[in-house]
Amino acid sequence: MKNLKPTSMLFGAVALLSLALGGCMVQVEADVPEVDITQHDVKFEGVPAAANLGDVSMTKTFSQQHQRLELPSGLTTEVKAMGVTFTAKTGIDNFDFIKNMRVSMSDGTHAPVELIDYQRVDGAPSTNVLTVESANPVNTLDEWKTDTAIFTVDIAGALPSGDWTLDVSVRFAGKIVYKY
């Protein structure tokens, strides 16, 4: 009597199982590496009487042109915003004046999706580079199926009296699933 090796038995079992299942479906998954999309020198108008007003809010919208994402059938894709990084450029030395900040993204036809919602913690260290991780990354695939993504930054706090600029970098990651 011949002794069967464990690998031979495993291959045999897989072969029998595949015959029994007939037309089984195969699924392939791949993670897409993180990508940063940066808008440089986003300009905010100063609030001249800011010192007398206390906390105020401001909204700034900018668009990012990109190639329309068109996917073949059978492909399921996620593109999630993992976080946003703000870098102080001109007119400000740090982000200590911000109390609340929200960033959303839209394709211009659907309701905007919230990417981050930031509340400054009392006593947080002073910084000129502020990175905010998404508490609940949302799928932004629909926003990439157009030629333009629209980003909206809502800021509240003791805003600077003079004009200021910053760079906004949104970090995206994804997953692709193909079934056949």
N, C-alpha and C. Protein backbone atom coordinates (compact mmCIF):
# COMPACT_ATOMS: atom_id res chain seq x y z
N MET A 1 0.84 -1.17 0.00
CA MET A 1 0.00 0.00 0.00
C MET A 1 0.89 1.23 0.00
N LYS A 2 0.52 2.24 -0.81
CA LYS A 2 1.30 3.47 -0.92
C LYS A 2 0.86 4.48 0.12
N ASN A 3 1.84 5.17 0.68
CA ASN A 3 1.52 6.28 1.59
C ASN A 3 1.39 7.55 0.78
N LEU A 4 0.29 8.29 0.95
CA LEU A 4 0.09 9.56 0.25
C LEU A 4 0.66 10.69 1.10
N LYS A 5 1.35 11.60 0.45
CA LYS A 5 1.88 12.76 1.16
C LYS A 5 0.74 13.73 1.43
N PRO A 6 0.85 14.53 2.52
CA PRO A 6 -0.21 15.49 2.84
C PRO A 6 -0.50 16.46 1.70
N THR A 7 0.54 16.90 0.95
CA THR A 7 0.29 17.85 -0.14
C THR A 7 -0.50 17.20 -1.26
N SER A 8 -0.24 15.91 -1.53
CA SER A 8 -1.00 15.19 -2.55
C SER A 8 -2.47 15.10 -2.15
N MET A 9 -2.71 14.82 -0.88
CA MET A 9 -4.08 14.72 -0.39
C MET A 9 -4.78 16.08 -0.48
N LEU A 10 -4.04 17.18 -0.18
CA LEU A 10 -4.63 18.52 -0.24
C LEU A 10 -5.02 18.85 -1.68
N PHE A 11 -4.12 18.62 -2.65
CA PHE A 11 -4.43 18.90 -4.04
C PHE A 11 -5.61 18.04 -4.52
N GLY A 12 -5.66 16.82 -4.08
CA GLY A 12 -6.77 15.95 -4.45
C GLY A 12 -8.09 16.47 -3.91
N ALA A 13 -8.07 16.93 -2.66
CA ALA A 13 -9.28 17.47 -2.05
C ALA A 13 -9.75 18.72 -2.78
N VAL A 14 -8.80 19.59 -3.14
CA VAL A 14 -9.15 20.81 -3.86
C VAL A 14 -9.73 20.47 -5.23
N ALA A 15 -9.13 19.50 -5.90
CA ALA A 15 -9.64 19.09 -7.22
C ALA A 15 -11.05 18.54 -7.11
N LEU A 16 -11.30 17.69 -6.11
CA LEU A 16 -12.65 17.14 -5.92
C LEU A 16 -13.65 18.24 -5.59
N LEU A 17 -13.24 19.17 -4.73
CA LEU A 17 -14.13 20.26 -4.34
C LEU A 17 -14.48 21.13 -5.54
N SER A 18 -13.49 21.43 -6.38
CA SER A 18 -13.77 22.26 -7.55
C SER A 18 -14.67 21.55 -8.55
N LEU A 19 -14.54 20.24 -8.68
CA LEU A 19 -15.44 19.48 -9.55
C LEU A 19 -16.86 19.49 -9.00
N ALA A 20 -16.97 19.36 -7.68
CA ALA A 20 -18.29 19.33 -7.05
C ALA A 20 -18.99 20.68 -7.18
N LEU A 21 -18.23 21.76 -7.08
CA LEU A 21 -18.84 23.08 -7.15
C LEU A 21 -19.15 23.52 -8.57
N GLY A 22 -18.53 22.91 -9.53
CA GLY A 22 -18.81 23.24 -10.94
C GLY A 22 -18.30 24.62 -11.27
N GLY A 23 -19.18 25.55 -11.59
CA GLY A 23 -18.81 26.91 -12.02
C GLY A 23 -18.59 27.84 -10.85
N CYS A 24 -17.61 27.61 -10.06
CA CYS A 24 -17.37 28.47 -8.91
C CYS A 24 -16.82 29.82 -9.35
N MET A 25 -16.93 30.83 -8.49
CA MET A 25 -16.50 32.19 -8.80
C MET A 25 -15.15 32.44 -8.13
N VAL A 26 -14.29 33.13 -8.85
CA VAL A 26 -13.00 33.51 -8.30
C VAL A 26 -13.03 35.01 -8.05
N GLN A 27 -12.45 35.43 -6.93
CA GLN A 27 -12.41 36.84 -6.58
C GLN A 27 -10.96 37.25 -6.35
N VAL A 28 -10.57 38.37 -6.93
CA VAL A 28 -9.23 38.90 -6.76
C VAL A 28 -9.35 40.26 -6.10
N GLU A 29 -8.58 40.49 -5.03
CA GLU A 29 -8.60 41.77 -4.32
C GLU A 29 -7.20 42.36 -4.31
N ALA A 30 -7.14 43.69 -4.40
CA ALA A 30 -5.85 44.39 -4.31
C ALA A 30 -6.04 45.71 -3.58
N ASP A 31 -5.13 46.00 -2.67
CA ASP A 31 -5.12 47.29 -2.01
C ASP A 31 -4.34 48.28 -2.87
N VAL A 32 -4.88 49.48 -3.00
CA VAL A 32 -4.22 50.53 -3.76
C VAL A 32 -3.41 51.36 -2.77
N PRO A 33 -2.12 51.60 -3.05
CA PRO A 33 -1.30 52.37 -2.11
C PRO A 33 -1.85 53.78 -1.90
N GLU A 34 -1.49 54.35 -0.75
CA GLU A 34 -1.95 55.70 -0.44
C GLU A 34 -1.38 56.72 -1.43
N VAL A 35 -2.22 57.71 -1.74
CA VAL A 35 -1.86 58.78 -2.67
C VAL A 35 -2.27 60.10 -2.03
N ASP A 36 -1.39 61.11 -2.10
CA ASP A 36 -1.71 62.44 -1.62
C ASP A 36 -2.08 63.33 -2.80
N ILE A 37 -3.20 64.02 -2.67
CA ILE A 37 -3.62 65.03 -3.65
C ILE A 37 -3.46 66.38 -2.94
N THR A 38 -2.62 67.25 -3.49
CA THR A 38 -2.30 68.51 -2.81
C THR A 38 -2.74 69.71 -3.64
N GLN A 39 -3.39 70.64 -2.97
CA GLN A 39 -3.71 71.95 -3.55
C GLN A 39 -2.81 72.95 -2.85
N HIS A 40 -1.93 73.58 -3.61
CA HIS A 40 -0.97 74.52 -3.04
C HIS A 40 -1.56 75.92 -2.95
N ASP A 41 -1.11 76.65 -1.94
CA ASP A 41 -1.40 78.07 -1.77
C ASP A 41 -2.89 78.41 -1.83
N VAL A 42 -3.69 77.72 -1.04
CA VAL A 42 -5.10 78.05 -0.91
C VAL A 42 -5.17 79.33 -0.09
N LYS A 43 -5.75 80.39 -0.69
CA LYS A 43 -5.75 81.71 -0.06
C LYS A 43 -7.04 81.98 0.70
N PHE A 44 -6.88 82.44 1.94
CA PHE A 44 -8.00 82.85 2.78
C PHE A 44 -7.88 84.35 3.00
N GLU A 45 -8.99 85.05 2.86
CA GLU A 45 -9.02 86.49 3.10
C GLU A 45 -8.95 86.73 4.61
N GLY A 46 -8.20 87.76 4.99
CA GLY A 46 -8.12 88.13 6.40
C GLY A 46 -9.43 88.74 6.87
N VAL A 47 -9.62 88.73 8.17
CA VAL A 47 -10.80 89.34 8.80
C VAL A 47 -10.27 90.56 9.57
N PRO A 48 -10.34 91.77 8.96
CA PRO A 48 -9.70 92.95 9.54
C PRO A 48 -10.05 93.24 11.00
N ALA A 49 -11.28 93.08 11.38
CA ALA A 49 -11.68 93.38 12.76
C ALA A 49 -11.71 92.13 13.63
N ALA A 50 -10.93 91.13 13.28
CA ALA A 50 -10.97 89.83 13.96
C ALA A 50 -10.73 89.95 15.46
N ALA A 51 -9.80 90.81 15.87
CA ALA A 51 -9.48 90.95 17.29
C ALA A 51 -10.70 91.43 18.09
N ASN A 52 -11.53 92.25 17.46
CA ASN A 52 -12.72 92.79 18.15
C ASN A 52 -13.91 91.85 18.07
N LEU A 53 -13.92 90.96 17.09
CA LEU A 53 -15.07 90.09 16.86
C LEU A 53 -15.05 88.81 17.68
N GLY A 54 -13.89 88.35 18.04
CA GLY A 54 -13.79 87.04 18.70
C GLY A 54 -13.78 85.95 17.66
N ASP A 55 -14.42 84.85 17.93
CA ASP A 55 -14.44 83.72 16.99
C ASP A 55 -15.38 84.00 15.82
N VAL A 56 -14.89 83.74 14.62
CA VAL A 56 -15.69 83.87 13.40
C VAL A 56 -15.45 82.63 12.56
N SER A 57 -16.26 82.47 11.51
CA SER A 57 -16.08 81.32 10.63
C SER A 57 -15.96 81.79 9.19
N MET A 58 -15.37 80.91 8.37
CA MET A 58 -15.14 81.23 6.98
C MET A 58 -15.18 79.93 6.19
N THR A 59 -15.63 80.03 4.94
CA THR A 59 -15.66 78.87 4.05
C THR A 59 -14.85 79.18 2.80
N LYS A 60 -14.04 78.22 2.40
CA LYS A 60 -13.24 78.36 1.19
C LYS A 60 -13.45 77.11 0.35
N THR A 61 -13.75 77.30 -0.93
CA THR A 61 -13.96 76.18 -1.85
C THR A 61 -12.93 76.27 -2.97
N PHE A 62 -12.37 75.12 -3.32
CA PHE A 62 -11.46 75.05 -4.46
C PHE A 62 -11.71 73.75 -5.19
N SER A 63 -11.33 73.71 -6.46
CA SER A 63 -11.56 72.49 -7.24
C SER A 63 -10.23 71.90 -7.69
N GLN A 64 -10.25 70.62 -7.91
CA GLN A 64 -9.08 69.87 -8.35
C GLN A 64 -9.47 69.15 -9.64
N GLN A 65 -8.79 69.49 -10.72
CA GLN A 65 -9.05 68.82 -12.00
C GLN A 65 -8.34 67.46 -12.00
N HIS A 66 -9.00 66.47 -12.54
CA HIS A 66 -8.40 65.15 -12.66
C HIS A 66 -9.05 64.39 -13.81
N GLN A 67 -8.42 63.32 -14.19
CA GLN A 67 -8.99 62.49 -15.25
C GLN A 67 -10.14 61.69 -14.68
N ARG A 68 -11.23 61.65 -15.40
CA ARG A 68 -12.42 60.92 -14.99
C ARG A 68 -12.07 59.45 -14.80
N LEU A 69 -12.49 58.88 -13.69
CA LEU A 69 -12.24 57.48 -13.38
C LEU A 69 -13.37 56.63 -13.97
N GLU A 70 -13.05 55.86 -14.99
CA GLU A 70 -14.04 54.98 -15.61
C GLU A 70 -13.58 53.55 -15.40
N LEU A 71 -14.45 52.75 -14.82
CA LEU A 71 -14.09 51.38 -14.44
C LEU A 71 -14.86 50.36 -15.26
N PRO A 72 -14.22 49.24 -15.59
CA PRO A 72 -14.93 48.18 -16.32
C PRO A 72 -15.94 47.48 -15.42
N SER A 73 -16.91 46.81 -16.04
CA SER A 73 -17.91 46.08 -15.25
C SER A 73 -17.22 44.91 -14.55
N GLY A 74 -17.79 44.50 -13.45
CA GLY A 74 -17.23 43.40 -12.66
C GLY A 74 -16.20 43.86 -11.65
N LEU A 75 -15.89 45.15 -11.66
CA LEU A 75 -14.89 45.70 -10.77
C LEU A 75 -15.58 46.49 -9.68
N THR A 76 -15.30 46.18 -8.44
CA THR A 76 -15.82 46.92 -7.30
C THR A 76 -14.64 47.68 -6.70
N THR A 77 -14.79 48.98 -6.54
CA THR A 77 -13.67 49.80 -6.11
C THR A 77 -14.08 50.71 -4.97
N GLU A 78 -13.16 50.92 -4.04
CA GLU A 78 -13.31 51.89 -2.97
C GLU A 78 -12.15 52.86 -3.04
N VAL A 79 -12.43 54.14 -2.88
CA VAL A 79 -11.39 55.15 -2.74
C VAL A 79 -11.77 55.95 -1.50
N LYS A 80 -11.01 55.76 -0.43
CA LYS A 80 -11.35 56.40 0.84
C LYS A 80 -10.36 57.49 1.20
N ALA A 81 -10.89 58.59 1.73
CA ALA A 81 -10.06 59.68 2.23
C ALA A 81 -9.63 59.32 3.64
N MET A 82 -8.33 59.13 3.82
CA MET A 82 -7.80 58.66 5.10
C MET A 82 -7.46 59.81 6.05
N GLY A 83 -7.21 61.00 5.50
CA GLY A 83 -6.87 62.13 6.35
C GLY A 83 -6.49 63.34 5.51
N VAL A 84 -6.32 64.46 6.19
CA VAL A 84 -5.98 65.72 5.53
C VAL A 84 -4.83 66.36 6.31
N THR A 85 -3.86 66.91 5.56
CA THR A 85 -2.75 67.64 6.17
C THR A 85 -2.76 69.08 5.67
N PHE A 86 -2.67 70.01 6.60
CA PHE A 86 -2.62 71.44 6.29
C PHE A 86 -1.22 71.93 6.62
N THR A 87 -0.63 72.69 5.71
CA THR A 87 0.70 73.25 5.94
C THR A 87 0.61 74.76 5.81
N ALA A 88 0.98 75.49 6.89
CA ALA A 88 0.95 76.95 6.88
C ALA A 88 1.97 77.46 5.88
N LYS A 89 1.57 78.45 5.07
CA LYS A 89 2.47 78.99 4.05
C LYS A 89 2.79 80.47 4.34
N THR A 90 1.86 81.36 4.04
CA THR A 90 2.12 82.79 4.25
C THR A 90 1.04 83.38 5.15
N GLY A 91 1.41 84.41 5.89
CA GLY A 91 0.46 85.15 6.71
C GLY A 91 0.15 84.52 8.06
N ILE A 92 0.58 83.29 8.29
CA ILE A 92 0.38 82.62 9.58
C ILE A 92 1.64 81.81 9.91
N ASP A 93 1.89 81.67 11.20
CA ASP A 93 3.04 80.87 11.66
C ASP A 93 2.61 79.49 12.15
N ASN A 94 1.33 79.37 12.56
CA ASN A 94 0.83 78.11 13.10
C ASN A 94 -0.69 78.10 13.00
N PHE A 95 -1.28 77.02 13.47
CA PHE A 95 -2.73 76.86 13.39
C PHE A 95 -3.42 77.00 14.75
N ASP A 96 -2.80 77.69 15.67
CA ASP A 96 -3.35 77.84 17.02
C ASP A 96 -4.70 78.55 17.03
N PHE A 97 -4.98 79.38 16.03
CA PHE A 97 -6.22 80.17 15.99
C PHE A 97 -7.45 79.33 15.62
N ILE A 98 -7.25 78.13 15.09
CA ILE A 98 -8.38 77.31 14.64
C ILE A 98 -9.01 76.59 15.83
N LYS A 99 -10.32 76.71 15.94
CA LYS A 99 -11.07 75.96 16.96
C LYS A 99 -11.78 74.77 16.33
N ASN A 100 -12.34 74.98 15.13
CA ASN A 100 -13.04 73.92 14.41
C ASN A 100 -12.69 74.01 12.93
N MET A 101 -12.60 72.84 12.29
CA MET A 101 -12.36 72.81 10.86
C MET A 101 -13.02 71.56 10.29
N ARG A 102 -13.63 71.74 9.15
CA ARG A 102 -14.31 70.64 8.46
C ARG A 102 -13.90 70.70 7.00
N VAL A 103 -13.61 69.53 6.40
CA VAL A 103 -13.30 69.47 4.97
C VAL A 103 -14.26 68.47 4.35
N SER A 104 -14.89 68.88 3.24
CA SER A 104 -15.79 67.99 2.51
C SER A 104 -15.39 67.96 1.04
N MET A 105 -15.91 66.96 0.34
CA MET A 105 -15.59 66.77 -1.08
C MET A 105 -16.88 66.47 -1.82
N SER A 106 -16.98 67.01 -3.04
CA SER A 106 -18.17 66.79 -3.85
C SER A 106 -17.76 66.68 -5.31
N ASP A 107 -18.63 66.07 -6.09
CA ASP A 107 -18.40 66.01 -7.54
C ASP A 107 -19.23 67.07 -8.26
N GLY A 108 -19.95 67.88 -7.52
CA GLY A 108 -20.77 68.94 -8.10
C GLY A 108 -22.20 68.52 -8.38
N THR A 109 -22.49 67.21 -8.33
CA THR A 109 -23.85 66.75 -8.58
C THR A 109 -24.45 66.06 -7.35
N HIS A 110 -23.63 65.39 -6.56
CA HIS A 110 -24.11 64.72 -5.35
C HIS A 110 -23.84 65.61 -4.13
N ALA A 111 -24.49 65.27 -3.03
CA ALA A 111 -24.23 65.98 -1.78
C ALA A 111 -22.78 65.77 -1.36
N PRO A 112 -22.13 66.77 -0.77
CA PRO A 112 -20.74 66.61 -0.34
C PRO A 112 -20.60 65.52 0.72
N VAL A 113 -19.45 64.86 0.72
CA VAL A 113 -19.13 63.90 1.77
C VAL A 113 -18.08 64.51 2.68
N GLU A 114 -18.24 64.32 3.96
CA GLU A 114 -17.30 64.88 4.93
C GLU A 114 -16.05 64.02 5.00
N LEU A 115 -14.89 64.65 4.81
CA LEU A 115 -13.62 63.94 4.89
C LEU A 115 -13.05 63.97 6.30
N ILE A 116 -13.07 65.15 6.92
CA ILE A 116 -12.62 65.26 8.32
C ILE A 116 -13.45 66.31 9.04
N ASP A 117 -13.50 66.18 10.35
CA ASP A 117 -14.14 67.16 11.22
C ASP A 117 -13.21 67.30 12.42
N TYR A 118 -12.56 68.46 12.54
CA TYR A 118 -11.51 68.68 13.53
C TYR A 118 -11.96 69.68 14.58
N GLN A 119 -11.72 69.37 15.83
CA GLN A 119 -11.91 70.29 16.95
C GLN A 119 -10.59 70.36 17.71
N ARG A 120 -10.06 71.55 17.83
CA ARG A 120 -8.79 71.73 18.55
C ARG A 120 -9.01 71.45 20.04
N VAL A 121 -8.11 70.71 20.61
CA VAL A 121 -8.15 70.38 22.03
C VAL A 121 -7.38 71.47 22.79
N ASP A 122 -7.96 71.96 23.89
CA ASP A 122 -7.26 72.96 24.70
C ASP A 122 -5.88 72.43 25.10
N GLY A 123 -4.87 73.27 24.93
CA GLY A 123 -3.51 72.88 25.30
C GLY A 123 -2.78 72.07 24.24
N ALA A 124 -3.39 71.90 23.06
CA ALA A 124 -2.72 71.16 21.98
C ALA A 124 -1.45 71.91 21.59
N PRO A 125 -0.39 71.20 21.24
CA PRO A 125 0.86 71.87 20.89
C PRO A 125 0.72 72.72 19.63
N SER A 126 1.47 73.79 19.59
CA SER A 126 1.49 74.69 18.44
C SER A 126 2.19 73.99 17.27
N THR A 127 1.63 74.14 16.06
CA THR A 127 2.23 73.49 14.90
C THR A 127 1.92 74.27 13.63
N ASN A 128 2.84 74.20 12.67
CA ASN A 128 2.59 74.81 11.36
C ASN A 128 2.22 73.75 10.33
N VAL A 129 2.20 72.48 10.73
CA VAL A 129 1.73 71.37 9.90
C VAL A 129 0.71 70.59 10.74
N LEU A 130 -0.53 70.64 10.32
CA LEU A 130 -1.62 70.01 11.07
C LEU A 130 -2.15 68.82 10.28
N THR A 131 -2.01 67.63 10.83
CA THR A 131 -2.52 66.42 10.18
C THR A 131 -3.72 65.91 10.95
N VAL A 132 -4.82 65.74 10.25
CA VAL A 132 -6.06 65.28 10.86
C VAL A 132 -6.46 63.97 10.17
N GLU A 133 -6.49 62.89 10.95
CA GLU A 133 -6.90 61.59 10.42
C GLU A 133 -8.41 61.53 10.36
N SER A 134 -8.94 60.85 9.37
CA SER A 134 -10.38 60.68 9.24
C SER A 134 -10.86 59.69 10.31
N ALA A 135 -11.85 60.09 11.08
CA ALA A 135 -12.37 59.21 12.12
C ALA A 135 -13.13 58.04 11.51
N ASN A 136 -13.75 58.27 10.36
CA ASN A 136 -14.53 57.24 9.68
C ASN A 136 -14.37 57.44 8.18
N PRO A 137 -13.29 56.89 7.58
CA PRO A 137 -13.04 57.14 6.15
C PRO A 137 -14.24 56.73 5.29
N VAL A 138 -14.66 57.65 4.42
CA VAL A 138 -15.81 57.41 3.55
C VAL A 138 -15.33 57.12 2.13
N ASN A 139 -16.13 56.36 1.41
CA ASN A 139 -15.83 56.03 0.03
C ASN A 139 -16.14 57.24 -0.85
N THR A 140 -15.13 57.75 -1.56
CA THR A 140 -15.28 58.93 -2.42
C THR A 140 -15.25 58.55 -3.90
N LEU A 141 -15.55 57.31 -4.22
CA LEU A 141 -15.46 56.84 -5.60
C LEU A 141 -16.32 57.69 -6.55
N ASP A 142 -17.55 58.03 -6.16
CA ASP A 142 -18.41 58.83 -7.04
C ASP A 142 -17.78 60.18 -7.37
N GLU A 143 -17.05 60.76 -6.43
CA GLU A 143 -16.43 62.06 -6.66
C GLU A 143 -15.28 61.97 -7.67
N TRP A 144 -14.75 60.77 -7.89
CA TRP A 144 -13.67 60.56 -8.86
C TRP A 144 -14.19 60.16 -10.23
N LYS A 145 -15.49 59.98 -10.37
CA LYS A 145 -16.07 59.60 -11.66
C LYS A 145 -16.43 60.82 -12.52
N THR A 146 -15.99 62.01 -12.10
CA THR A 146 -16.18 63.24 -12.85
C THR A 146 -14.81 63.81 -13.18
N ASP A 147 -14.78 64.93 -13.89
CA ASP A 147 -13.52 65.56 -14.26
C ASP A 147 -12.97 66.48 -13.17
N THR A 148 -13.82 66.83 -12.19
CA THR A 148 -13.44 67.81 -11.18
C THR A 148 -13.97 67.39 -9.81
N ALA A 149 -13.12 67.49 -8.82
CA ALA A 149 -13.55 67.29 -7.44
C ALA A 149 -13.57 68.67 -6.78
N ILE A 150 -14.61 68.93 -6.01
CA ILE A 150 -14.75 70.21 -5.33
C ILE A 150 -14.54 69.98 -3.84
N PHE A 151 -13.57 70.69 -3.28
CA PHE A 151 -13.26 70.59 -1.85
C PHE A 151 -13.71 71.86 -1.16
N THR A 152 -14.32 71.71 0.01
CA THR A 152 -14.78 72.84 0.80
C THR A 152 -14.14 72.75 2.18
N VAL A 153 -13.51 73.85 2.60
CA VAL A 153 -12.88 73.94 3.91
C VAL A 153 -13.67 74.96 4.72
N ASP A 154 -14.25 74.52 5.83
CA ASP A 154 -14.95 75.40 6.76
C ASP A 154 -14.06 75.55 7.99
N ILE A 155 -13.73 76.80 8.35
CA ILE A 155 -12.83 77.07 9.47
C ILE A 155 -13.52 78.04 10.42
N ALA A 156 -13.38 77.79 11.72
CA ALA A 156 -13.91 78.70 12.74
C ALA A 156 -12.85 78.89 13.82
N GLY A 157 -12.80 80.11 14.35
CA GLY A 157 -11.85 80.44 15.41
C GLY A 157 -11.54 81.91 15.38
N ALA A 158 -10.44 82.28 16.02
CA ALA A 158 -9.98 83.66 16.05
C ALA A 158 -9.13 83.88 14.80
N LEU A 159 -9.80 84.03 13.64
CA LEU A 159 -9.13 84.07 12.35
C LEU A 159 -8.19 85.27 12.21
N PRO A 160 -7.10 85.12 11.46
CA PRO A 160 -6.13 86.20 11.28
C PRO A 160 -6.75 87.43 10.62
N SER A 161 -6.20 88.61 10.95
CA SER A 161 -6.72 89.85 10.36
C SER A 161 -6.19 90.08 8.95
N GLY A 162 -5.05 89.49 8.60
CA GLY A 162 -4.50 89.63 7.25
C GLY A 162 -4.71 88.37 6.44
N ASP A 163 -4.53 88.47 5.12
CA ASP A 163 -4.66 87.32 4.23
C ASP A 163 -3.63 86.25 4.60
N TRP A 164 -3.96 85.01 4.36
CA TRP A 164 -3.06 83.90 4.66
C TRP A 164 -3.28 82.75 3.69
N THR A 165 -2.26 81.93 3.51
CA THR A 165 -2.36 80.79 2.60
C THR A 165 -1.88 79.52 3.30
N LEU A 166 -2.36 78.41 2.77
CA LEU A 166 -1.93 77.11 3.26
C LEU A 166 -2.01 76.10 2.13
N ASP A 167 -1.28 75.01 2.28
CA ASP A 167 -1.40 73.88 1.36
C ASP A 167 -2.33 72.87 2.01
N VAL A 168 -3.19 72.26 1.20
CA VAL A 168 -4.12 71.23 1.68
C VAL A 168 -3.80 69.94 0.93
N SER A 169 -3.44 68.91 1.68
CA SER A 169 -3.15 67.59 1.09
C SER A 169 -4.14 66.58 1.65
N VAL A 170 -4.86 65.90 0.75
CA VAL A 170 -5.81 64.87 1.15
C VAL A 170 -5.18 63.52 0.79
N ARG A 171 -5.13 62.62 1.76
CA ARG A 171 -4.53 61.30 1.58
C ARG A 171 -5.64 60.28 1.30
N PHE A 172 -5.53 59.63 0.14
CA PHE A 172 -6.51 58.63 -0.28
C PHE A 172 -5.86 57.25 -0.33
N ALA A 173 -6.65 56.24 -0.07
CA ALA A 173 -6.23 54.84 -0.24
C ALA A 173 -7.43 54.09 -0.80
N GLY A 174 -7.18 52.94 -1.41
CA GLY A 174 -8.29 52.24 -2.03
C GLY A 174 -8.15 50.74 -2.03
N LYS A 175 -9.19 50.13 -2.55
CA LYS A 175 -9.24 48.68 -2.70
C LYS A 175 -9.99 48.39 -3.99
N ILE A 176 -9.48 47.42 -4.73
CA ILE A 176 -10.12 46.98 -5.97
C ILE A 176 -10.47 45.50 -5.80
N VAL A 177 -11.70 45.16 -6.14
CA VAL A 177 -12.15 43.76 -6.09
C VAL A 177 -12.71 43.40 -7.47
N TYR A 178 -12.20 42.31 -8.02
CA TYR A 178 -12.66 41.84 -9.32
C TYR A 178 -13.19 40.42 -9.15
N LYS A 179 -14.43 40.19 -9.57
CA LYS A 179 -15.05 38.86 -9.49
C LYS A 179 -15.27 38.32 -10.88
N TYR A 180 -14.90 37.06 -11.08
CA TYR A 180 -15.19 36.39 -12.36
C TYR A 180 -15.42 34.93 -12.14
